[in-house]
Amino acid sequence: MEQYMKDYGLDIPEREMRPLFSNRVGEKLTGTGITYILKNYVNAARLSNKDLMPDTLSPHSFRHSKAIHLLQSGINLVHIRDSLGHKSI
């Protein structure tokens, strides 16, 4: 993270209020923006091998997969819920 911040000039006091991850115009990266980027990479991967990617893939798929991996590794479900920002299990 330190290297990323240094590479993008986010480690200087004058820029401490800038978003850590920004879009092409320097504004906060939104969920829609992340979905757009993900779809571009998924489409590129499908060009090389159409069976490489599932039919549907979204940022939520990554959240769900991470939650399942944490649960399978023995992490308490309450901690998983809290890390994902959900109100209920």
Protein backbone atom coordinates (compact mmCIF):
# COMPACT_ATOMS: atom_id res chain seq x y z
CA MET A 1 0.00 0.00 0.00
CA GLU A 2 2.87 2.34 0.77
CA GLN A 3 4.32 1.78 -2.70
CA TYR A 4 0.92 2.36 -4.33
CA MET A 5 0.50 5.62 -2.43
CA LYS A 6 3.99 6.72 -3.39
CA ASP A 7 3.47 5.80 -7.06
CA TYR A 8 0.28 7.88 -7.24
CA GLY A 9 1.49 10.78 -5.11
CA LEU A 10 -0.94 10.07 -2.30
CA ASP A 11 1.73 10.07 0.38
CA ILE A 12 2.11 13.85 0.60
CA PRO A 13 0.04 15.94 3.04
CA GLU A 14 -1.50 18.14 0.31
CA ARG A 15 -3.19 15.09 -1.19
CA GLU A 16 -4.32 13.29 1.95
CA MET A 17 -7.99 14.04 1.21
CA ARG A 18 -7.88 12.50 -2.28
CA PRO A 19 -9.52 9.10 -2.69
CA LEU A 20 -7.19 6.13 -2.36
CA PHE A 21 -8.66 4.56 -5.50
CA SER A 22 -9.91 6.95 -8.14
CA ASN A 23 -11.49 6.81 -11.58
CA ARG A 24 -10.00 8.28 -14.74
CA VAL A 25 -11.07 11.83 -13.78
CA GLY A 26 -9.61 11.60 -10.26
CA GLU A 27 -12.88 11.12 -8.41
CA LYS A 28 -13.73 8.33 -5.96
CA LEU A 29 -13.95 4.92 -7.62
CA THR A 30 -17.56 3.75 -7.36
CA GLY A 31 -19.13 0.31 -7.33
CA THR A 32 -20.23 0.90 -10.91
CA GLY A 33 -16.66 1.75 -11.86
CA ILE A 34 -15.34 -1.42 -10.27
CA THR A 35 -17.99 -3.45 -12.14
CA TYR A 36 -16.93 -1.78 -15.41
CA ILE A 37 -13.25 -2.62 -14.83
CA LEU A 38 -14.07 -6.20 -13.82
CA LYS A 39 -16.21 -6.73 -16.93
CA ASN A 40 -13.36 -5.52 -19.16
CA TYR A 41 -10.95 -8.03 -17.63
CA VAL A 42 -13.51 -10.83 -17.74
CA ASN A 43 -14.21 -10.15 -21.43
CA ALA A 44 -10.47 -10.11 -22.19
CA ALA A 45 -10.00 -13.43 -20.39
CA ARG A 46 -12.91 -14.95 -22.29
CA LEU A 47 -11.25 -14.02 -25.59
CA SER A 48 -8.33 -16.28 -24.74
CA ASN A 49 -10.49 -19.08 -23.33
CA LYS A 50 -14.28 -18.78 -23.22
CA ASP A 51 -14.51 -21.46 -20.53
CA LEU A 52 -12.09 -19.62 -18.25
CA MET A 53 -14.73 -17.40 -16.64
CA PRO A 54 -18.18 -18.19 -15.26
CA ASP A 55 -21.23 -16.81 -17.07
CA THR A 56 -21.83 -14.22 -14.37
CA LEU A 57 -19.13 -12.55 -12.32
CA SER A 58 -19.54 -9.41 -10.25
CA PRO A 59 -17.74 -7.65 -7.40
CA HIS A 60 -20.30 -9.25 -5.10
CA SER A 61 -19.07 -12.67 -6.29
CA PHE A 62 -15.65 -11.82 -4.85
CA ARG A 63 -17.18 -10.71 -1.54
CA HIS A 64 -19.20 -13.91 -1.34
CA SER A 65 -16.21 -16.10 -2.20
CA LYS A 66 -14.04 -14.39 0.42
CA ALA A 67 -16.76 -14.81 3.05
CA ILE A 68 -17.04 -18.53 2.25
CA HIS A 69 -13.25 -19.00 2.43
CA LEU A 70 -13.12 -17.21 5.78
CA LEU A 71 -15.99 -19.34 7.11
CA GLN A 72 -14.32 -22.55 5.90
CA SER A 73 -11.09 -21.53 7.63
CA GLY A 74 -12.88 -21.25 10.96
CA ILE A 75 -13.44 -17.50 11.25
CA ASN A 76 -16.44 -16.65 13.41
CA LEU A 77 -19.47 -15.72 11.30
CA VAL A 78 -20.04 -12.55 13.34
CA HIS A 79 -16.55 -11.31 12.41
CA ILE A 80 -17.19 -12.08 8.75
CA ARG A 81 -20.48 -10.19 8.88
CA ASP A 82 -18.79 -7.19 10.46
CA SER A 83 -15.91 -7.15 7.97
CA LEU A 84 -18.41 -7.14 5.09
CA GLY A 85 -20.42 -4.35 6.69
CA HIS A 86 -23.66 -6.30 7.01
CA LYS A 87 -26.15 -5.75 9.82
CA SER A 88 -27.25 -9.36 10.19
CA ILE A 89 -25.74 -12.75 9.57
